[in-house]
Amino acid sequence: MVLKFWSDESGATAIEYGLIAAGIALAIITVVNSLGTSLNDKFGSISSSLK
């Protein structure tokens, strides 16, 4: 029974997919955060030049 449990790899695939999804989500969050900061700076510059 222990050997069967030890050699069962069906859950490993789900864990791998979960780690891949977490990595992709982290990359997307980083890009969106960086893009948001640069857009905020750009619109702030435009706003102050219009005043």
N, C-alpha and C. Protein backbone atom coordinates (compact mmCIF):
# COMPACT_ATOMS: atom_id res chain seq x y z
N MET A 1 0.82 -1.19 0.00
CA MET A 1 0.00 0.00 0.00
C MET A 1 0.87 1.26 0.00
N VAL A 2 1.92 1.27 0.80
CA VAL A 2 2.80 2.43 0.85
C VAL A 2 3.53 2.58 -0.47
N LEU A 3 3.96 1.46 -1.07
CA LEU A 3 4.65 1.54 -2.36
C LEU A 3 3.73 2.06 -3.45
N LYS A 4 2.47 1.66 -3.42
CA LYS A 4 1.51 2.15 -4.40
C LYS A 4 1.31 3.65 -4.23
N PHE A 5 1.20 4.11 -2.99
CA PHE A 5 1.04 5.54 -2.73
C PHE A 5 2.28 6.31 -3.14
N TRP A 6 3.46 5.75 -2.88
CA TRP A 6 4.72 6.42 -3.17
C TRP A 6 4.94 6.55 -4.68
N SER A 7 4.52 5.56 -5.46
CA SER A 7 4.75 5.58 -6.91
C SER A 7 3.64 6.29 -7.68
N ASP A 8 2.56 6.66 -7.01
CA ASP A 8 1.45 7.35 -7.68
C ASP A 8 1.85 8.78 -7.99
N GLU A 9 1.84 9.14 -9.28
CA GLU A 9 2.25 10.47 -9.70
C GLU A 9 1.10 11.29 -10.27
N SER A 10 -0.13 10.87 -10.05
CA SER A 10 -1.26 11.58 -10.64
C SER A 10 -1.43 12.98 -10.05
N GLY A 11 -1.11 13.17 -8.80
CA GLY A 11 -1.23 14.49 -8.19
C GLY A 11 -0.09 15.41 -8.55
N ALA A 12 1.05 14.84 -8.95
CA ALA A 12 2.20 15.66 -9.29
C ALA A 12 1.92 16.54 -10.50
N THR A 13 1.18 16.03 -11.46
CA THR A 13 0.86 16.81 -12.64
C THR A 13 -0.01 18.01 -12.27
N ALA A 14 -0.97 17.82 -11.40
CA ALA A 14 -1.82 18.93 -10.97
C ALA A 14 -1.01 19.98 -10.23
N ILE A 15 -0.07 19.54 -9.41
CA ILE A 15 0.78 20.49 -8.69
C ILE A 15 1.66 21.26 -9.67
N GLU A 16 2.20 20.58 -10.67
CA GLU A 16 3.02 21.25 -11.67
C GLU A 16 2.22 22.30 -12.43
N TYR A 17 1.00 21.95 -12.83
CA TYR A 17 0.15 22.92 -13.52
C TYR A 17 -0.18 24.10 -12.61
N GLY A 18 -0.38 23.84 -11.35
CA GLY A 18 -0.64 24.91 -10.40
C GLY A 18 0.54 25.86 -10.26
N LEU A 19 1.74 25.29 -10.21
CA LEU A 19 2.94 26.13 -10.12
C LEU A 19 3.15 26.95 -11.38
N ILE A 20 2.88 26.35 -12.54
CA ILE A 20 2.99 27.09 -13.80
C ILE A 20 1.99 28.24 -13.83
N ALA A 21 0.76 27.97 -13.42
CA ALA A 21 -0.28 29.01 -13.40
C ALA A 21 0.09 30.13 -12.43
N ALA A 22 0.66 29.78 -11.29
CA ALA A 22 1.08 30.80 -10.32
C ALA A 22 2.21 31.66 -10.88
N GLY A 23 3.14 31.04 -11.59
CA GLY A 23 4.23 31.80 -12.21
C GLY A 23 3.74 32.75 -13.27
N ILE A 24 2.80 32.29 -14.10
CA ILE A 24 2.24 33.14 -15.14
C ILE A 24 1.47 34.30 -14.51
N ALA A 25 0.70 34.01 -13.46
CA ALA A 25 -0.06 35.07 -12.78
C ALA A 25 0.88 36.10 -12.17
N LEU A 26 1.97 35.65 -11.59
CA LEU A 26 2.95 36.58 -11.01
C LEU A 26 3.57 37.47 -12.09
N ALA A 27 3.88 36.89 -13.24
CA ALA A 27 4.44 37.67 -14.34
C ALA A 27 3.43 38.71 -14.83
N ILE A 28 2.18 38.32 -14.97
CA ILE A 28 1.15 39.26 -15.43
C ILE A 28 0.96 40.39 -14.43
N ILE A 29 0.93 40.08 -13.14
CA ILE A 29 0.77 41.11 -12.11
C ILE A 29 1.94 42.08 -12.14
N THR A 30 3.15 41.57 -12.32
CA THR A 30 4.33 42.43 -12.37
C THR A 30 4.27 43.38 -13.57
N VAL A 31 3.90 42.85 -14.73
CA VAL A 31 3.83 43.68 -15.94
C VAL A 31 2.74 44.73 -15.81
N VAL A 32 1.57 44.35 -15.32
CA VAL A 32 0.46 45.30 -15.18
C VAL A 32 0.81 46.38 -14.16
N ASN A 33 1.46 46.01 -13.08
CA ASN A 33 1.86 46.98 -12.07
C ASN A 33 2.85 47.98 -12.65
N SER A 34 3.82 47.50 -13.38
CA SER A 34 4.82 48.38 -14.00
C SER A 34 4.18 49.28 -15.04
N LEU A 35 3.31 48.72 -15.84
CA LEU A 35 2.62 49.50 -16.87
C LEU A 35 1.72 50.56 -16.23
N GLY A 36 1.05 50.21 -15.16
CA GLY A 36 0.19 51.17 -14.46
C GLY A 36 0.98 52.34 -13.90
N THR A 37 2.14 52.06 -13.34
CA THR A 37 2.98 53.12 -12.80
C THR A 37 3.45 54.07 -13.89
N SER A 38 3.89 53.52 -15.01
CA SER A 38 4.37 54.38 -16.09
C SER A 38 3.23 55.18 -16.72
N LEU A 39 2.05 54.58 -16.84
CA LEU A 39 0.91 55.32 -17.36
C LEU A 39 0.48 56.43 -16.41
N ASN A 40 0.53 56.16 -15.12
CA ASN A 40 0.19 57.18 -14.13
C ASN A 40 1.14 58.36 -14.23
N ASP A 41 2.42 58.09 -14.38
CA ASP A 41 3.41 59.16 -14.53
C ASP A 41 3.16 59.95 -15.81
N LYS A 42 2.87 59.26 -16.89
CA LYS A 42 2.63 59.92 -18.17
C LYS A 42 1.40 60.82 -18.11
N PHE A 43 0.30 60.31 -17.57
CA PHE A 43 -0.92 61.12 -17.47
C PHE A 43 -0.74 62.27 -16.49
N GLY A 44 0.04 62.08 -15.45
CA GLY A 44 0.34 63.18 -14.53
C GLY A 44 1.11 64.28 -15.22
N SER A 45 2.05 63.89 -16.07
CA SER A 45 2.82 64.86 -16.83
C SER A 45 1.93 65.63 -17.80
N ILE A 46 1.05 64.91 -18.48
CA ILE A 46 0.12 65.56 -19.41
C ILE A 46 -0.82 66.50 -18.66
N SER A 47 -1.31 66.07 -17.52
CA SER A 47 -2.23 66.89 -16.74
C SER A 47 -1.56 68.17 -16.26
N SER A 48 -0.33 68.07 -15.79
CA SER A 48 0.35 69.27 -15.29
C SER A 48 0.73 70.21 -16.43
N SER A 49 0.98 69.68 -17.62
CA SER A 49 1.31 70.55 -18.75
C SER A 49 0.06 71.25 -19.30
N LEU A 50 -1.11 70.69 -19.06
CA LEU A 50 -2.35 71.32 -19.51
C LEU A 50 -2.82 72.43 -18.57
N LYS A 51 -2.34 72.42 -17.33
CA LYS A 51 -2.78 73.43 -16.35
C LYS A 51 -2.13 74.75 -16.55
